[in-house]
Amino acid sequence: MTPDLFGEAAPPGLHYLPGFALADEAALIAAARAVAEQAPFRVMSTPGGRKMSVAMTNCGAAGWVSDARGYRYAQRDPLTGLPWPAMPPLFLALAQRAAGMAGFGGFVPDACLINRYEPGAKMAPHQDKDEADFTAPIVSVSLGLPAVFLWGGARRADKPAKLPLLSGDVVVWGGETRLHFHGIAPLRPGSHPLLGAARVNLTFRRAFSA
């Protein structure tokens, strides 16, 4: 069920699944840590040289990277030269269940971006447009500290709605809203029983063409 948090003018294609991943919270966090043991978290830079405030890693057949060459997906971790760790079966099953609940059956993600936020870290409003397949949805899973999801429109200048997210909440968007701007407000200080002063976000995408 998707609560109507945005009023009657809610844009089509956005689905909020509160607590959808909560039963798997501990297992998801453990799996993310196992991925980070093989492909460590790192702070990437934008093509213009600005350091991001969020540390990240990837798993799956593709991983998102950013450096002076631009934003792109790569099949190998540039730090190790090795393929990204395989996507844990738990990750894939959760992403597919969430996408199905939101009406996107048959979703087969080949990339999972794992972002780690510490207090003060944020994600500026942006579009997910480096993927080859825009027909596939985005599935975003929140773990750890609460965050505020900023949901904008088709233009960067559109004022975003603010959606509080708790650990275990899942957001899915696609269709008409697939390229809408979105971000995360600066993370507030706090402590989570399993992650301490941190938030981890799992974002599932179809990076390459099926």
N, C-alpha and C. Protein backbone atom coordinates (compact mmCIF):
# COMPACT_ATOMS: atom_id res chain seq x y z
N MET A 1 0.85 -1.20 0.00
CA MET A 1 0.00 0.00 0.00
C MET A 1 0.88 1.24 0.00
N THR A 2 0.51 2.23 -0.76
CA THR A 2 1.27 3.46 -0.88
C THR A 2 0.51 4.62 -0.27
N PRO A 3 0.92 5.12 0.92
CA PRO A 3 0.23 6.26 1.51
C PRO A 3 0.32 7.48 0.60
N ASP A 4 -0.73 8.27 0.57
CA ASP A 4 -0.76 9.46 -0.27
C ASP A 4 -0.11 10.60 0.52
N LEU A 5 1.20 10.68 0.46
CA LEU A 5 1.93 11.68 1.24
C LEU A 5 2.08 13.00 0.50
N PHE A 6 1.74 13.01 -0.78
CA PHE A 6 1.97 14.20 -1.57
C PHE A 6 0.67 14.88 -2.01
N GLY A 7 -0.46 14.47 -1.47
CA GLY A 7 -1.71 15.11 -1.82
C GLY A 7 -2.28 14.59 -3.12
N GLU A 8 -3.35 15.24 -3.58
CA GLU A 8 -4.05 14.76 -4.78
C GLU A 8 -3.21 14.92 -6.04
N ALA A 9 -2.20 15.80 -5.99
CA ALA A 9 -1.37 16.04 -7.17
C ALA A 9 -0.15 15.13 -7.20
N ALA A 10 -0.19 14.01 -6.48
CA ALA A 10 0.96 13.09 -6.45
C ALA A 10 1.33 12.66 -7.86
N PRO A 11 2.61 12.79 -8.24
CA PRO A 11 3.01 12.41 -9.59
C PRO A 11 2.94 10.90 -9.77
N PRO A 12 2.50 10.45 -10.93
CA PRO A 12 2.44 9.00 -11.16
C PRO A 12 3.82 8.40 -11.21
N GLY A 13 3.92 7.16 -10.77
CA GLY A 13 5.20 6.45 -10.86
C GLY A 13 6.03 6.48 -9.60
N LEU A 14 5.59 7.24 -8.56
CA LEU A 14 6.34 7.29 -7.30
C LEU A 14 5.60 6.45 -6.27
N HIS A 15 6.34 5.54 -5.62
CA HIS A 15 5.72 4.63 -4.67
C HIS A 15 6.56 4.58 -3.39
N TYR A 16 5.90 4.76 -2.26
CA TYR A 16 6.55 4.75 -0.94
C TYR A 16 6.08 3.51 -0.20
N LEU A 17 7.02 2.66 0.21
CA LEU A 17 6.71 1.41 0.89
C LEU A 17 7.33 1.45 2.28
N PRO A 18 6.62 2.01 3.27
CA PRO A 18 7.19 2.16 4.62
C PRO A 18 7.44 0.81 5.28
N GLY A 19 8.65 0.65 5.83
CA GLY A 19 8.98 -0.55 6.57
C GLY A 19 9.10 -1.81 5.72
N PHE A 20 9.12 -1.68 4.40
CA PHE A 20 9.09 -2.85 3.52
C PHE A 20 10.30 -3.77 3.75
N ALA A 21 11.45 -3.19 4.07
CA ALA A 21 12.67 -3.98 4.23
C ALA A 21 13.06 -4.17 5.70
N LEU A 22 12.20 -3.75 6.61
CA LEU A 22 12.59 -3.74 8.02
C LEU A 22 12.87 -5.15 8.55
N ALA A 23 12.10 -6.14 8.13
CA ALA A 23 12.32 -7.50 8.62
C ALA A 23 13.69 -8.04 8.22
N ASP A 24 14.26 -7.51 7.14
CA ASP A 24 15.56 -7.95 6.65
C ASP A 24 16.68 -6.97 7.00
N GLU A 25 16.40 -6.00 7.87
CA GLU A 25 17.35 -4.93 8.14
C GLU A 25 18.74 -5.46 8.50
N ALA A 26 18.83 -6.33 9.50
CA ALA A 26 20.12 -6.81 9.97
C ALA A 26 20.85 -7.58 8.87
N ALA A 27 20.13 -8.42 8.14
CA ALA A 27 20.75 -9.21 7.08
C ALA A 27 21.22 -8.32 5.93
N LEU A 28 20.46 -7.29 5.60
CA LEU A 28 20.86 -6.36 4.54
C LEU A 28 22.12 -5.60 4.92
N ILE A 29 22.18 -5.16 6.17
CA ILE A 29 23.37 -4.44 6.64
C ILE A 29 24.59 -5.35 6.62
N ALA A 30 24.42 -6.59 7.07
CA ALA A 30 25.53 -7.54 7.06
C ALA A 30 26.01 -7.80 5.63
N ALA A 31 25.06 -7.92 4.70
CA ALA A 31 25.44 -8.15 3.30
C ALA A 31 26.16 -6.95 2.72
N ALA A 32 25.72 -5.74 3.07
CA ALA A 32 26.40 -4.53 2.58
C ALA A 32 27.83 -4.46 3.12
N ARG A 33 28.00 -4.84 4.38
CA ARG A 33 29.35 -4.85 4.95
C ARG A 33 30.24 -5.86 4.25
N ALA A 34 29.68 -7.01 3.89
CA ALA A 34 30.46 -8.02 3.19
C ALA A 34 30.90 -7.52 1.82
N VAL A 35 30.01 -6.78 1.14
CA VAL A 35 30.38 -6.19 -0.15
C VAL A 35 31.53 -5.21 0.05
N ALA A 36 31.44 -4.37 1.10
CA ALA A 36 32.45 -3.34 1.34
C ALA A 36 33.81 -3.94 1.73
N GLU A 37 33.82 -5.17 2.23
CA GLU A 37 35.09 -5.83 2.51
C GLU A 37 35.84 -6.17 1.23
N GLN A 38 35.09 -6.41 0.16
CA GLN A 38 35.71 -6.72 -1.13
C GLN A 38 35.96 -5.47 -1.96
N ALA A 39 35.01 -4.53 -1.91
CA ALA A 39 35.11 -3.28 -2.66
C ALA A 39 34.88 -2.14 -1.66
N PRO A 40 35.94 -1.61 -1.06
CA PRO A 40 35.80 -0.66 0.03
C PRO A 40 35.02 0.60 -0.35
N PHE A 41 34.35 1.17 0.66
CA PHE A 41 33.72 2.47 0.46
C PHE A 41 34.80 3.48 0.09
N ARG A 42 34.43 4.39 -0.79
CA ARG A 42 35.34 5.45 -1.17
C ARG A 42 34.54 6.72 -1.46
N VAL A 43 35.17 7.88 -1.32
CA VAL A 43 34.54 9.16 -1.64
C VAL A 43 35.00 9.56 -3.03
N MET A 44 34.07 9.62 -3.95
CA MET A 44 34.41 9.95 -5.33
C MET A 44 34.36 11.46 -5.56
N SER A 45 34.89 11.87 -6.68
CA SER A 45 34.88 13.28 -7.07
C SER A 45 34.02 13.46 -8.31
N THR A 46 33.43 14.63 -8.43
CA THR A 46 32.68 14.96 -9.63
C THR A 46 33.67 15.21 -10.77
N PRO A 47 33.19 15.22 -12.02
CA PRO A 47 34.09 15.52 -13.13
C PRO A 47 34.81 16.86 -12.97
N GLY A 48 34.19 17.78 -12.22
CA GLY A 48 34.81 19.08 -11.99
C GLY A 48 35.81 19.09 -10.85
N GLY A 49 35.96 17.95 -10.17
CA GLY A 49 36.96 17.86 -9.10
C GLY A 49 36.43 18.05 -7.69
N ARG A 50 35.11 18.23 -7.54
CA ARG A 50 34.56 18.44 -6.20
C ARG A 50 34.32 17.10 -5.52
N LYS A 51 34.81 16.98 -4.28
CA LYS A 51 34.61 15.75 -3.52
C LYS A 51 33.15 15.63 -3.08
N MET A 52 32.59 14.45 -3.24
CA MET A 52 31.24 14.20 -2.76
C MET A 52 31.27 14.01 -1.25
N SER A 53 30.13 14.24 -0.59
CA SER A 53 30.07 14.08 0.86
C SER A 53 29.66 12.68 1.27
N VAL A 54 29.27 11.87 0.31
CA VAL A 54 28.80 10.51 0.55
C VAL A 54 29.86 9.51 0.10
N ALA A 55 30.15 8.52 0.94
CA ALA A 55 31.05 7.44 0.54
C ALA A 55 30.22 6.36 -0.15
N MET A 56 30.80 5.65 -1.09
CA MET A 56 30.00 4.67 -1.82
C MET A 56 30.83 3.50 -2.31
N THR A 57 30.12 2.42 -2.63
CA THR A 57 30.66 1.27 -3.32
C THR A 57 29.52 0.67 -4.13
N ASN A 58 29.79 -0.45 -4.81
CA ASN A 58 28.80 -1.06 -5.68
C ASN A 58 28.87 -2.58 -5.62
N CYS A 59 27.79 -3.22 -6.04
CA CYS A 59 27.81 -4.65 -6.28
C CYS A 59 26.92 -4.94 -7.47
N GLY A 60 27.15 -6.09 -8.09
CA GLY A 60 26.40 -6.45 -9.29
C GLY A 60 27.31 -6.44 -10.51
N ALA A 61 26.73 -6.62 -11.67
CA ALA A 61 27.50 -6.67 -12.91
C ALA A 61 28.07 -5.31 -13.29
N ALA A 62 27.47 -4.23 -12.76
CA ALA A 62 27.90 -2.88 -13.09
C ALA A 62 28.02 -2.06 -11.81
N GLY A 63 28.92 -1.10 -11.84
CA GLY A 63 29.07 -0.19 -10.71
C GLY A 63 29.18 1.24 -11.19
N TRP A 64 28.55 2.16 -10.47
CA TRP A 64 28.58 3.58 -10.88
C TRP A 64 29.85 4.21 -10.36
N VAL A 65 30.53 4.96 -11.22
CA VAL A 65 31.77 5.64 -10.82
C VAL A 65 31.75 7.07 -11.35
N SER A 66 32.53 7.91 -10.68
CA SER A 66 32.65 9.31 -11.09
C SER A 66 34.09 9.76 -10.87
N ASP A 67 34.64 10.43 -11.88
CA ASP A 67 35.98 10.99 -11.77
C ASP A 67 36.13 12.05 -12.86
N ALA A 68 37.34 12.43 -13.16
CA ALA A 68 37.56 13.47 -14.16
C ALA A 68 37.06 13.07 -15.54
N ARG A 69 36.88 11.77 -15.76
CA ARG A 69 36.39 11.29 -17.07
C ARG A 69 34.87 11.39 -17.17
N GLY A 70 34.19 11.62 -16.06
CA GLY A 70 32.75 11.77 -16.10
C GLY A 70 32.02 10.72 -15.28
N TYR A 71 30.67 10.79 -15.33
CA TYR A 71 29.81 9.82 -14.66
C TYR A 71 29.57 8.65 -15.60
N ARG A 72 29.64 7.43 -15.07
CA ARG A 72 29.45 6.28 -15.95
C ARG A 72 29.32 5.00 -15.11
N TYR A 73 28.96 3.92 -15.79
CA TYR A 73 28.97 2.59 -15.18
C TYR A 73 30.18 1.83 -15.70
N ALA A 74 30.80 1.08 -14.81
CA ALA A 74 31.96 0.26 -15.17
C ALA A 74 31.76 -1.15 -14.64
N GLN A 75 32.29 -2.12 -15.35
CA GLN A 75 32.16 -3.50 -14.93
C GLN A 75 33.20 -3.91 -13.90
N ARG A 76 34.24 -3.08 -13.74
CA ARG A 76 35.28 -3.37 -12.77
C ARG A 76 35.47 -2.20 -11.81
N ASP A 77 35.85 -2.53 -10.59
CA ASP A 77 36.15 -1.53 -9.57
C ASP A 77 37.47 -0.86 -9.93
N PRO A 78 37.48 0.45 -10.15
CA PRO A 78 38.74 1.12 -10.52
C PRO A 78 39.79 1.08 -9.42
N LEU A 79 39.39 0.84 -8.16
CA LEU A 79 40.37 0.75 -7.07
C LEU A 79 41.13 -0.56 -7.09
N THR A 80 40.46 -1.65 -7.44
CA THR A 80 41.07 -2.97 -7.37
C THR A 80 41.34 -3.59 -8.73
N GLY A 81 40.65 -3.10 -9.75
CA GLY A 81 40.75 -3.72 -11.07
C GLY A 81 39.96 -5.00 -11.20
N LEU A 82 39.25 -5.37 -10.15
CA LEU A 82 38.47 -6.60 -10.14
C LEU A 82 37.00 -6.31 -10.46
N PRO A 83 36.27 -7.31 -10.92
CA PRO A 83 34.82 -7.11 -11.08
C PRO A 83 34.20 -6.73 -9.73
N TRP A 84 33.13 -5.99 -9.78
CA TRP A 84 32.43 -5.65 -8.55
C TRP A 84 31.92 -6.93 -7.88
N PRO A 85 31.78 -6.94 -6.57
CA PRO A 85 31.23 -8.13 -5.91
C PRO A 85 29.85 -8.48 -6.47
N ALA A 86 29.56 -9.76 -6.48
CA ALA A 86 28.25 -10.20 -6.95
C ALA A 86 27.15 -9.61 -6.07
N MET A 87 26.01 -9.34 -6.67
CA MET A 87 24.88 -8.84 -5.91
C MET A 87 24.35 -9.95 -5.00
N PRO A 88 24.27 -9.71 -3.69
CA PRO A 88 23.75 -10.75 -2.80
C PRO A 88 22.32 -11.15 -3.19
N PRO A 89 22.00 -12.43 -3.12
CA PRO A 89 20.64 -12.88 -3.47
C PRO A 89 19.56 -12.14 -2.69
N LEU A 90 19.83 -11.81 -1.43
CA LEU A 90 18.87 -11.07 -0.63
C LEU A 90 18.58 -9.70 -1.24
N PHE A 91 19.61 -9.02 -1.73
CA PHE A 91 19.43 -7.72 -2.38
C PHE A 91 18.51 -7.87 -3.59
N LEU A 92 18.83 -8.83 -4.45
CA LEU A 92 18.07 -9.00 -5.69
C LEU A 92 16.61 -9.33 -5.38
N ALA A 93 16.38 -10.23 -4.44
CA ALA A 93 15.01 -10.63 -4.11
C ALA A 93 14.21 -9.45 -3.57
N LEU A 94 14.83 -8.66 -2.71
CA LEU A 94 14.13 -7.50 -2.14
C LEU A 94 13.80 -6.48 -3.22
N ALA A 95 14.77 -6.17 -4.09
CA ALA A 95 14.54 -5.19 -5.15
C ALA A 95 13.41 -5.64 -6.07
N GLN A 96 13.38 -6.92 -6.39
CA GLN A 96 12.34 -7.42 -7.29
C GLN A 96 10.97 -7.41 -6.62
N ARG A 97 10.91 -7.73 -5.33
CA ARG A 97 9.62 -7.70 -4.62
C ARG A 97 9.10 -6.27 -4.53
N ALA A 98 9.99 -5.33 -4.22
CA ALA A 98 9.57 -3.93 -4.10
C ALA A 98 9.11 -3.39 -5.45
N ALA A 99 9.86 -3.69 -6.50
CA ALA A 99 9.47 -3.22 -7.83
C ALA A 99 8.12 -3.82 -8.22
N GLY A 100 7.90 -5.09 -7.91
CA GLY A 100 6.63 -5.72 -8.23
C GLY A 100 5.48 -5.07 -7.48
N MET A 101 5.70 -4.73 -6.20
CA MET A 101 4.67 -4.05 -5.41
C MET A 101 4.30 -2.70 -6.03
N ALA A 102 5.29 -2.08 -6.67
CA ALA A 102 5.05 -0.77 -7.28
C ALA A 102 4.55 -0.86 -8.72
N GLY A 103 4.34 -2.09 -9.19
CA GLY A 103 3.80 -2.25 -10.54
C GLY A 103 4.83 -2.44 -11.62
N PHE A 104 6.09 -2.68 -11.24
CA PHE A 104 7.15 -2.87 -12.22
C PHE A 104 7.62 -4.32 -12.18
N GLY A 105 6.80 -5.21 -12.65
CA GLY A 105 7.14 -6.62 -12.68
C GLY A 105 8.26 -6.91 -13.66
N GLY A 106 9.03 -7.96 -13.37
CA GLY A 106 10.10 -8.35 -14.27
C GLY A 106 11.37 -7.53 -14.14
N PHE A 107 11.49 -6.72 -13.07
CA PHE A 107 12.68 -5.89 -12.88
C PHE A 107 13.88 -6.79 -12.55
N VAL A 108 14.95 -6.65 -13.30
CA VAL A 108 16.18 -7.41 -13.06
C VAL A 108 17.34 -6.41 -12.97
N PRO A 109 17.62 -5.89 -11.79
CA PRO A 109 18.71 -4.92 -11.67
C PRO A 109 20.06 -5.58 -11.89
N ASP A 110 20.98 -4.86 -12.53
CA ASP A 110 22.34 -5.36 -12.68
C ASP A 110 23.34 -4.52 -11.91
N ALA A 111 22.84 -3.51 -11.17
CA ALA A 111 23.71 -2.65 -10.37
C ALA A 111 23.02 -2.29 -9.06
N CYS A 112 23.78 -2.30 -7.99
CA CYS A 112 23.31 -1.78 -6.71
C CYS A 112 24.36 -0.82 -6.18
N LEU A 113 24.00 0.46 -6.12
CA LEU A 113 24.87 1.46 -5.54
C LEU A 113 24.64 1.47 -4.03
N ILE A 114 25.71 1.40 -3.26
CA ILE A 114 25.62 1.40 -1.80
C ILE A 114 26.25 2.69 -1.31
N ASN A 115 25.42 3.61 -0.83
CA ASN A 115 25.89 4.90 -0.35
C ASN A 115 25.90 4.93 1.17
N ARG A 116 26.97 5.44 1.76
CA ARG A 116 27.06 5.57 3.21
C ARG A 116 27.13 7.05 3.58
N TYR A 117 26.12 7.47 4.34
CA TYR A 117 26.02 8.86 4.80
C TYR A 117 26.42 8.93 6.27
N GLU A 118 27.19 9.95 6.62
CA GLU A 118 27.45 10.30 8.00
C GLU A 118 26.81 11.67 8.25
N PRO A 119 26.60 12.06 9.50
CA PRO A 119 25.94 13.35 9.76
C PRO A 119 26.55 14.49 8.95
N GLY A 120 25.69 15.26 8.32
CA GLY A 120 26.12 16.36 7.47
C GLY A 120 26.21 16.01 6.01
N ALA A 121 26.32 14.72 5.69
CA ALA A 121 26.41 14.30 4.28
C ALA A 121 25.06 14.48 3.60
N LYS A 122 25.08 14.73 2.32
CA LYS A 122 23.84 14.96 1.57
C LYS A 122 24.02 14.50 0.14
N MET A 123 22.92 14.47 -0.59
CA MET A 123 22.95 14.18 -2.02
C MET A 123 22.16 15.29 -2.71
N ALA A 124 22.85 16.09 -3.48
CA ALA A 124 22.20 17.21 -4.16
C ALA A 124 21.17 16.68 -5.16
N PRO A 125 20.10 17.44 -5.41
CA PRO A 125 19.11 17.00 -6.40
C PRO A 125 19.76 16.68 -7.74
N HIS A 126 19.40 15.53 -8.29
CA HIS A 126 20.01 15.05 -9.53
C HIS A 126 19.05 14.10 -10.23
N GLN A 127 19.35 13.78 -11.44
CA GLN A 127 18.62 12.76 -12.21
C GLN A 127 19.48 11.51 -12.32
N ASP A 128 18.87 10.35 -12.30
CA ASP A 128 19.58 9.11 -12.59
C ASP A 128 19.46 8.88 -14.09
N LYS A 129 20.46 9.32 -14.83
CA LYS A 129 20.36 9.27 -16.29
C LYS A 129 21.59 8.65 -16.96
N ASP A 130 22.40 7.94 -16.19
CA ASP A 130 23.57 7.29 -16.77
C ASP A 130 23.27 5.85 -17.20
N GLU A 131 22.03 5.41 -16.96
CA GLU A 131 21.64 4.05 -17.30
C GLU A 131 21.25 3.95 -18.77
N ALA A 132 21.39 2.75 -19.33
CA ALA A 132 21.03 2.53 -20.73
C ALA A 132 19.54 2.26 -20.90
N ASP A 133 18.87 1.85 -19.81
CA ASP A 133 17.47 1.43 -19.89
C ASP A 133 16.61 2.26 -18.95
N PHE A 134 15.92 3.26 -19.50
CA PHE A 134 15.06 4.11 -18.67
C PHE A 134 13.68 3.51 -18.45
N THR A 135 13.41 2.35 -19.06
CA THR A 135 12.11 1.72 -18.82
C THR A 135 12.10 0.99 -17.48
N ALA A 136 13.27 0.68 -16.95
CA ALA A 136 13.36 0.00 -15.65
C ALA A 136 13.25 1.03 -14.54
N PRO A 137 12.66 0.67 -13.41
CA PRO A 137 12.50 1.62 -12.30
C PRO A 137 13.78 1.76 -11.49
N ILE A 138 13.75 2.66 -10.54
CA ILE A 138 14.77 2.80 -9.50
C ILE A 138 14.16 2.31 -8.20
N VAL A 139 14.88 1.46 -7.49
CA VAL A 139 14.43 0.97 -6.18
C VAL A 139 15.46 1.43 -5.15
N SER A 140 15.01 2.18 -4.15
CA SER A 140 15.89 2.76 -3.14
C SER A 140 15.50 2.29 -1.75
N VAL A 141 16.46 1.69 -1.03
CA VAL A 141 16.22 1.11 0.29
C VAL A 141 17.01 1.88 1.34
N SER A 142 16.34 2.36 2.38
CA SER A 142 16.99 3.11 3.45
C SER A 142 17.31 2.20 4.63
N LEU A 143 18.53 2.33 5.16
CA LEU A 143 18.95 1.59 6.35
C LEU A 143 19.71 2.53 7.27
N GLY A 144 19.49 2.40 8.58
CA GLY A 144 20.22 3.22 9.53
C GLY A 144 19.50 4.48 9.93
N LEU A 145 20.24 5.57 10.07
CA LEU A 145 19.66 6.83 10.55
C LEU A 145 18.55 7.33 9.64
N PRO A 146 17.57 8.04 10.22
CA PRO A 146 16.51 8.65 9.40
C PRO A 146 17.09 9.68 8.43
N ALA A 147 16.40 9.87 7.33
CA ALA A 147 16.82 10.84 6.33
C ALA A 147 15.59 11.52 5.75
N VAL A 148 15.81 12.60 5.06
CA VAL A 148 14.73 13.31 4.36
C VAL A 148 14.99 13.22 2.87
N PHE A 149 14.10 12.52 2.17
CA PHE A 149 14.17 12.34 0.73
C PHE A 149 13.54 13.55 0.06
N LEU A 150 14.25 14.13 -0.88
CA LEU A 150 13.76 15.30 -1.62
C LEU A 150 13.29 14.84 -2.99
N TRP A 151 11.99 14.98 -3.23
CA TRP A 151 11.41 14.52 -4.49
C TRP A 151 10.98 15.71 -5.32
N GLY A 152 11.72 15.95 -6.40
CA GLY A 152 11.44 17.09 -7.25
C GLY A 152 10.65 16.73 -8.49
N GLY A 153 10.76 17.58 -9.48
CA GLY A 153 10.03 17.37 -10.72
C GLY A 153 10.96 17.12 -11.89
N ALA A 154 10.45 17.35 -13.08
CA ALA A 154 11.23 17.11 -14.29
C ALA A 154 12.30 18.17 -14.51
N ARG A 155 12.17 19.32 -13.82
CA ARG A 155 13.14 20.39 -13.94
C ARG A 155 13.88 20.58 -12.63
N ARG A 156 15.14 20.95 -12.70
CA ARG A 156 15.93 21.15 -11.49
C ARG A 156 15.32 22.24 -10.61
N ALA A 157 14.69 23.23 -11.25
CA ALA A 157 14.14 24.35 -10.50
C ALA A 157 12.85 24.01 -9.76
N ASP A 158 12.22 22.88 -10.06
CA ASP A 158 10.97 22.51 -9.39
C ASP A 158 11.20 22.31 -7.90
N LYS A 159 10.32 22.89 -7.09
CA LYS A 159 10.47 22.77 -5.64
C LYS A 159 10.21 21.33 -5.20
N PRO A 160 11.13 20.74 -4.43
CA PRO A 160 10.94 19.34 -4.05
C PRO A 160 10.01 19.18 -2.85
N ALA A 161 9.28 18.07 -2.85
CA ALA A 161 8.55 17.64 -1.67
C ALA A 161 9.54 16.93 -0.74
N LYS A 162 9.23 16.92 0.55
CA LYS A 162 10.12 16.30 1.53
C LYS A 162 9.45 15.08 2.15
N LEU A 163 10.10 13.94 2.03
CA LEU A 163 9.57 12.69 2.54
C LEU A 163 10.52 12.11 3.59
N PRO A 164 10.13 12.09 4.87
CA PRO A 164 10.99 11.47 5.90
C PRO A 164 11.08 9.96 5.67
N LEU A 165 12.29 9.44 5.73
CA LEU A 165 12.52 8.01 5.55
C LEU A 165 13.17 7.42 6.80
N LEU A 166 12.67 6.27 7.22
CA LEU A 166 13.23 5.54 8.34
C LEU A 166 13.91 4.27 7.85
N SER A 167 14.69 3.66 8.71
CA SER A 167 15.35 2.42 8.34
C SER A 167 14.32 1.36 7.95
N GLY A 168 14.51 0.75 6.81
CA GLY A 168 13.58 -0.25 6.30
C GLY A 168 12.60 0.28 5.29
N ASP A 169 12.51 1.60 5.14
CA ASP A 169 11.60 2.18 4.14
C ASP A 169 12.18 2.00 2.74
N VAL A 170 11.29 1.84 1.78
CA VAL A 170 11.70 1.68 0.38
C VAL A 170 10.92 2.66 -0.49
N VAL A 171 11.59 3.28 -1.44
CA VAL A 171 10.96 4.16 -2.41
C VAL A 171 11.26 3.63 -3.81
N VAL A 172 10.23 3.59 -4.65
CA VAL A 172 10.37 3.11 -6.03
C VAL A 172 9.80 4.16 -6.97
N TRP A 173 10.51 4.45 -8.04
CA TRP A 173 9.93 5.35 -9.04
C TRP A 173 10.34 4.90 -10.44
N GLY A 174 9.50 5.25 -11.39
CA GLY A 174 9.75 4.87 -12.77
C GLY A 174 8.67 5.43 -13.67
N GLY A 175 8.61 4.95 -14.89
CA GLY A 175 7.60 5.48 -15.81
C GLY A 175 7.78 6.96 -16.06
N GLU A 176 6.73 7.72 -15.89
CA GLU A 176 6.77 9.16 -16.17
C GLU A 176 7.71 9.91 -15.25
N THR A 177 7.99 9.36 -14.08
CA THR A 177 8.85 10.06 -13.12
C THR A 177 10.27 9.52 -13.09
N ARG A 178 10.60 8.64 -14.01
CA ARG A 178 11.91 7.99 -13.98
C ARG A 178 13.07 8.98 -13.95
N LEU A 179 12.94 10.12 -14.63
CA LEU A 179 14.02 11.09 -14.69
C LEU A 179 13.76 12.33 -13.84
N HIS A 180 12.87 12.20 -12.85
CA HIS A 180 12.65 13.33 -11.96
C HIS A 180 13.86 13.55 -11.06
N PHE A 181 14.06 14.82 -10.70
CA PHE A 181 15.15 15.17 -9.80
C PHE A 181 14.83 14.69 -8.38
N HIS A 182 15.85 14.25 -7.67
CA HIS A 182 15.68 13.77 -6.30
C HIS A 182 17.00 13.89 -5.56
N GLY A 183 16.94 13.87 -4.25
CA GLY A 183 18.17 13.98 -3.46
C GLY A 183 17.90 13.65 -2.00
N ILE A 184 18.89 13.89 -1.17
CA ILE A 184 18.80 13.66 0.27
C ILE A 184 19.28 14.91 0.99
N ALA A 185 18.47 15.42 1.93
CA ALA A 185 18.86 16.58 2.73
C ALA A 185 20.01 16.19 3.66
N PRO A 186 20.79 17.17 4.14
CA PRO A 186 21.91 16.85 5.03
C PRO A 186 21.46 15.96 6.19
N LEU A 187 22.19 14.88 6.41
CA LEU A 187 21.83 13.91 7.44
C LEU A 187 22.04 14.51 8.83
N ARG A 188 21.04 14.33 9.68
CA ARG A 188 21.14 14.83 11.04
C ARG A 188 21.88 13.85 11.94
N PRO A 189 22.55 14.35 13.00
CA PRO A 189 23.24 13.45 13.92
C PRO A 189 22.27 12.49 14.60
N GLY A 190 22.77 11.35 15.00
CA GLY A 190 21.96 10.35 15.69
C GLY A 190 22.73 9.06 15.81
N SER A 191 22.08 8.05 16.32
CA SER A 191 22.71 6.75 16.45
C SER A 191 21.70 5.66 16.15
N HIS A 192 22.10 4.72 15.32
CA HIS A 192 21.27 3.59 14.97
C HIS A 192 21.84 2.34 15.63
N PRO A 193 21.00 1.43 16.14
CA PRO A 193 21.50 0.26 16.87
C PRO A 193 22.51 -0.59 16.08
N LEU A 194 22.37 -0.66 14.77
CA LEU A 194 23.25 -1.52 13.97
C LEU A 194 24.31 -0.75 13.19
N LEU A 195 24.04 0.50 12.85
CA LEU A 195 24.96 1.27 12.01
C LEU A 195 25.60 2.44 12.74
N GLY A 196 25.18 2.69 13.97
CA GLY A 196 25.75 3.83 14.69
C GLY A 196 25.35 5.14 14.05
N ALA A 197 26.31 6.04 13.91
CA ALA A 197 26.03 7.38 13.36
C ALA A 197 26.16 7.35 11.84
N ALA A 198 25.32 6.55 11.19
CA ALA A 198 25.42 6.43 9.74
C ALA A 198 24.10 5.98 9.14
N ARG A 199 23.95 6.26 7.87
CA ARG A 199 22.84 5.76 7.06
C ARG A 199 23.42 5.09 5.84
N VAL A 200 22.88 3.95 5.48
CA VAL A 200 23.28 3.26 4.26
C VAL A 200 22.07 3.18 3.34
N ASN A 201 22.28 3.52 2.09
CA ASN A 201 21.21 3.48 1.09
C ASN A 201 21.59 2.52 -0.03
N LEU A 202 20.70 1.61 -0.34
CA LEU A 202 20.88 0.68 -1.44
C LEU A 202 20.02 1.16 -2.60
N THR A 203 20.62 1.41 -3.74
CA THR A 203 19.86 1.87 -4.90
C THR A 203 20.06 0.90 -6.05
N PHE A 204 18.96 0.29 -6.47
CA PHE A 204 19.01 -0.73 -7.52
C PHE A 204 18.60 -0.13 -8.86
N ARG A 205 19.38 -0.44 -9.89
CA ARG A 205 19.14 0.10 -11.23
C ARG A 205 19.40 -0.95 -12.30
N ARG A 206 18.89 -0.68 -13.49
CA ARG A 206 19.26 -1.46 -14.67
C ARG A 206 20.21 -0.58 -15.46
N ALA A 207 21.53 -0.82 -15.28
CA ALA A 207 22.52 0.06 -15.87
C ALA A 207 22.73 -0.21 -17.36
N PHE A 208 22.80 -1.48 -17.72
CA PHE A 208 23.03 -1.85 -19.10
C PHE A 208 21.74 -2.35 -19.73
N SER A 209 21.69 -2.36 -21.03
CA SER A 209 20.50 -2.85 -21.72
C SER A 209 20.33 -4.34 -21.46
N ALA A 210 19.07 -4.76 -21.32
CA ALA A 210 18.81 -6.17 -21.06
C ALA A 210 19.18 -7.03 -22.26
